Amino acid sequence: MIDVIENISDISRIPRMTLNKLVDMSTSIMSNDVLENVNNNVPFSEFDIGVGKLIIAANKSSVEYRFIPSKGFERKVNNSIKNNKSALVEELEESLVNKLLMAYKELY
């Protein structure tokens, strides 16, 4: 299994502990909203989690989850498979080129 939090930490240089706190805060917010909906007899809770929509169907006796990917996420995954190119590698290469160009412009 891929550890996305670890990968984000490595790439962004944001400490893993900070990212874990963010995830913990997010799950607390979502669980609170689900509880409120259950107590108000609202059967579904929907959350935009950045890469798609997480739908939680909950009642006093069961919890079910459904994930619907965002168009951007779906497009990147499909393009990566179709073109056999990593979107991550392309983004990192573009970032490196931009940093080199900025450094070059500062010199001249």
C-alpha atoms as a PDB file:
ATOM      1  CA  MET A   1       0.000   0.000   0.000  1.00  0.00           C
ATOM      2  CA  ILE A   2       1.237   3.504  -0.830  1.00  0.00           C
ATOM      3  CA  ASP A   3       1.645   5.858   2.135  1.00  0.00           C
ATOM      4  CA  VAL A   4       0.322   9.102   0.608  1.00  0.00           C
ATOM      5  CA  ILE A   5       0.970  11.123   3.774  1.00  0.00           C
ATOM      6  CA  GLU A   6       4.624  10.074   3.774  1.00  0.00           C
ATOM      7  CA  ASN A   7       4.971  10.896   0.079  1.00  0.00           C
ATOM      8  CA  ILE A   8       3.388  14.325   0.527  1.00  0.00           C
ATOM      9  CA  SER A   9       5.691  14.962   3.474  1.00  0.00           C
ATOM     10  CA  ASP A  10       8.750  14.000   1.428  1.00  0.00           C
ATOM     11  CA  ILE A  11       7.789  16.152  -1.561  1.00  0.00           C
ATOM     12  CA  SER A  12       6.431  19.188   0.266  1.00  0.00           C
ATOM     13  CA  ARG A  13       8.829  19.113   3.220  1.00  0.00           C
ATOM     14  CA  ILE A  14       5.828  19.532   5.515  1.00  0.00           C
ATOM     15  CA  PRO A  15       6.541  17.386   8.572  1.00  0.00           C
ATOM     16  CA  ARG A  16       4.578  14.151   8.709  1.00  0.00           C
ATOM     17  CA  MET A  17       3.414  15.063  12.229  1.00  0.00           C
ATOM     18  CA  THR A  18       1.804  18.250  10.852  1.00  0.00           C
ATOM     19  CA  LEU A  19       0.071  16.340   8.076  1.00  0.00           C
ATOM     20  CA  ASN A  20      -1.135  13.725  10.563  1.00  0.00           C
ATOM     21  CA  LYS A  21      -2.616  16.505  12.718  1.00  0.00           C
ATOM     22  CA  LEU A  22      -4.412  17.858   9.654  1.00  0.00           C
ATOM     23  CA  VAL A  23      -5.806  14.418   8.831  1.00  0.00           C
ATOM     24  CA  ASP A  24      -6.865  13.916  12.449  1.00  0.00           C
ATOM     25  CA  MET A  25      -8.607  17.288  12.473  1.00  0.00           C
ATOM     26  CA  SER A  26     -10.361  16.428   9.197  1.00  0.00           C
ATOM     27  CA  THR A  27     -11.598  13.093  10.507  1.00  0.00           C
ATOM     28  CA  SER A  28     -12.860  14.770  13.688  1.00  0.00           C
ATOM     29  CA  ILE A  29     -14.802  17.314  11.645  1.00  0.00           C
ATOM     30  CA  MET A  30     -16.274  14.623   9.404  1.00  0.00           C
ATOM     31  CA  SER A  31     -17.213  12.323  12.277  1.00  0.00           C
ATOM     32  CA  ASN A  32     -18.908  15.240  14.042  1.00  0.00           C
ATOM     33  CA  ASP A  33     -20.922  16.069  10.919  1.00  0.00           C
ATOM     34  CA  VAL A  34     -21.925  12.419  10.487  1.00  0.00           C
ATOM     35  CA  LEU A  35     -23.046  12.288  14.136  1.00  0.00           C
ATOM     36  CA  GLU A  36     -25.120  15.450  13.705  1.00  0.00           C
ATOM     37  CA  ASN A  37     -26.743  14.022  10.576  1.00  0.00           C
ATOM     38  CA  VAL A  38     -27.514  10.701  12.298  1.00  0.00           C
ATOM     39  CA  ASN A  39     -29.078  12.557  15.241  1.00  0.00           C
ATOM     40  CA  ASN A  40     -31.133  14.641  12.800  1.00  0.00           C
ATOM     41  CA  ASN A  41     -32.188  11.546  10.811  1.00  0.00           C
ATOM     42  CA  VAL A  42     -30.260  12.686   7.729  1.00  0.00           C
ATOM     43  CA  PRO A  43     -29.136   9.443   6.067  1.00  0.00           C
ATOM     44  CA  PHE A  44     -26.130  10.742   4.089  1.00  0.00           C
ATOM     45  CA  SER A  45     -23.133  12.971   4.759  1.00  0.00           C
ATOM     46  CA  GLU A  46     -21.081  14.248   1.815  1.00  0.00           C
ATOM     47  CA  PHE A  47     -17.509  15.525   2.022  1.00  0.00           C
ATOM     48  CA  ASP A  48     -15.260  17.068  -0.598  1.00  0.00           C
ATOM     49  CA  ILE A  49     -11.900  15.527   0.307  1.00  0.00           C
ATOM     50  CA  GLY A  50      -9.908  17.161  -2.480  1.00  0.00           C
ATOM     51  CA  VAL A  51      -9.555  14.144  -4.752  1.00  0.00           C
ATOM     52  CA  GLY A  52     -13.247  13.423  -4.805  1.00  0.00           C
ATOM     53  CA  LYS A  53     -16.399  13.160  -2.795  1.00  0.00           C
ATOM     54  CA  LEU A  54     -16.723  10.836   0.190  1.00  0.00           C
ATOM     55  CA  ILE A  55     -20.311   9.880   0.956  1.00  0.00           C
ATOM     56  CA  ILE A  56     -21.076   8.278   4.301  1.00  0.00           C
ATOM     57  CA  ALA A  57     -24.446   6.635   4.833  1.00  0.00           C
ATOM     58  CA  ALA A  58     -24.940   6.149   8.549  1.00  0.00           C
ATOM     59  CA  ASN A  59     -27.588   5.277  11.065  1.00  0.00           C
ATOM     60  CA  LYS A  60     -27.507   3.959  14.622  1.00  0.00           C
ATOM     61  CA  SER A  61     -26.686   0.410  13.463  1.00  0.00           C
ATOM     62  CA  SER A  62     -24.448   0.707  10.381  1.00  0.00           C
ATOM     63  CA  VAL A  63     -22.042   2.876   8.423  1.00  0.00           C
ATOM     64  CA  GLU A  64     -21.355   2.582   4.686  1.00  0.00           C
ATOM     65  CA  TYR A  65     -18.837   4.502   2.568  1.00  0.00           C
ATOM     66  CA  ARG A  66     -18.761   5.502  -1.074  1.00  0.00           C
ATOM     67  CA  PHE A  67     -16.074   7.443  -2.942  1.00  0.00           C
ATOM     68  CA  ILE A  68     -16.655   9.369  -6.170  1.00  0.00           C
ATOM     69  CA  PRO A  69     -13.428  10.671  -7.735  1.00  0.00           C
ATOM     70  CA  SER A  70     -13.201  14.301  -8.836  1.00  0.00           C
ATOM     71  CA  LYS A  71     -12.877  15.024 -12.560  1.00  0.00           C
ATOM     72  CA  GLY A  72      -9.295  16.228 -12.062  1.00  0.00           C
ATOM     73  CA  PHE A  73      -8.283  13.096 -10.145  1.00  0.00           C
ATOM     74  CA  GLU A  74      -9.964  10.844 -12.664  1.00  0.00           C
ATOM     75  CA  ARG A  75      -8.333  12.709 -15.567  1.00  0.00           C
ATOM     76  CA  LYS A  76      -4.821  12.444 -14.050  1.00  0.00           C
ATOM     77  CA  VAL A  77      -5.181   8.727 -13.344  1.00  0.00           C
ATOM     78  CA  ASN A  78      -6.566   8.004 -16.808  1.00  0.00           C
ATOM     79  CA  ASN A  79      -3.940  10.164 -18.551  1.00  0.00           C
ATOM     80  CA  SER A  80      -1.143   8.476 -16.611  1.00  0.00           C
ATOM     81  CA  ILE A  81      -2.348   5.028 -17.650  1.00  0.00           C
ATOM     82  CA  LYS A  82      -3.173   6.002 -21.242  1.00  0.00           C
ATOM     83  CA  ASN A  83       0.116   7.860 -21.876  1.00  0.00           C
ATOM     84  CA  ASN A  84       2.275   5.702 -19.564  1.00  0.00           C
ATOM     85  CA  LYS A  85       3.546   8.929 -17.945  1.00  0.00           C
ATOM     86  CA  SER A  86       3.571   9.891 -14.308  1.00  0.00           C
ATOM     87  CA  ALA A  87       1.732  13.127 -13.532  1.00  0.00           C
ATOM     88  CA  LEU A  88       3.940  13.453 -10.433  1.00  0.00           C
ATOM     89  CA  VAL A  89       7.181  13.201 -12.429  1.00  0.00           C
ATOM     90  CA  GLU A  90       5.881  15.776 -14.924  1.00  0.00           C
ATOM     91  CA  GLU A  91       4.940  18.189 -12.121  1.00  0.00           C
ATOM     92  CA  LEU A  92       8.297  17.758 -10.391  1.00  0.00           C
ATOM     93  CA  GLU A  93      10.189  18.257 -13.667  1.00  0.00           C
ATOM     94  CA  GLU A  94       8.168  21.413 -14.420  1.00  0.00           C
ATOM     95  CA  SER A  95       8.846  22.734 -10.919  1.00  0.00           C
ATOM     96  CA  LEU A  96      12.571  22.094 -11.297  1.00  0.00           C
ATOM     97  CA  VAL A  97      12.682  23.838 -14.686  1.00  0.00           C
ATOM     98  CA  ASN A  98      10.827  26.849 -13.275  1.00  0.00           C
ATOM     99  CA  LYS A  99      13.222  27.090 -10.322  1.00  0.00           C
ATOM    100  CA  LEU A 100      16.244  26.876 -12.628  1.00  0.00           C
ATOM    101  CA  LEU A 101      14.814  29.559 -14.910  1.00  0.00           C
ATOM    102  CA  MET A 102      14.124  31.854 -11.956  1.00  0.00           C
ATOM    103  CA  ALA A 103      17.671  31.347 -10.664  1.00  0.00           C
ATOM    104  CA  TYR A 104      19.071  32.044 -14.131  1.00  0.00           C
ATOM    105  CA  LYS A 105      16.988  35.234 -14.476  1.00  0.00           C
ATOM    106  CA  GLU A 106      18.202  36.445 -11.080  1.00  0.00           C
ATOM    107  CA  LEU A 107      21.815  36.041 -12.187  1.00  0.00           C
ATOM    108  CA  TYR A 108      21.338  38.130 -15.326  1.00  0.00           C
END
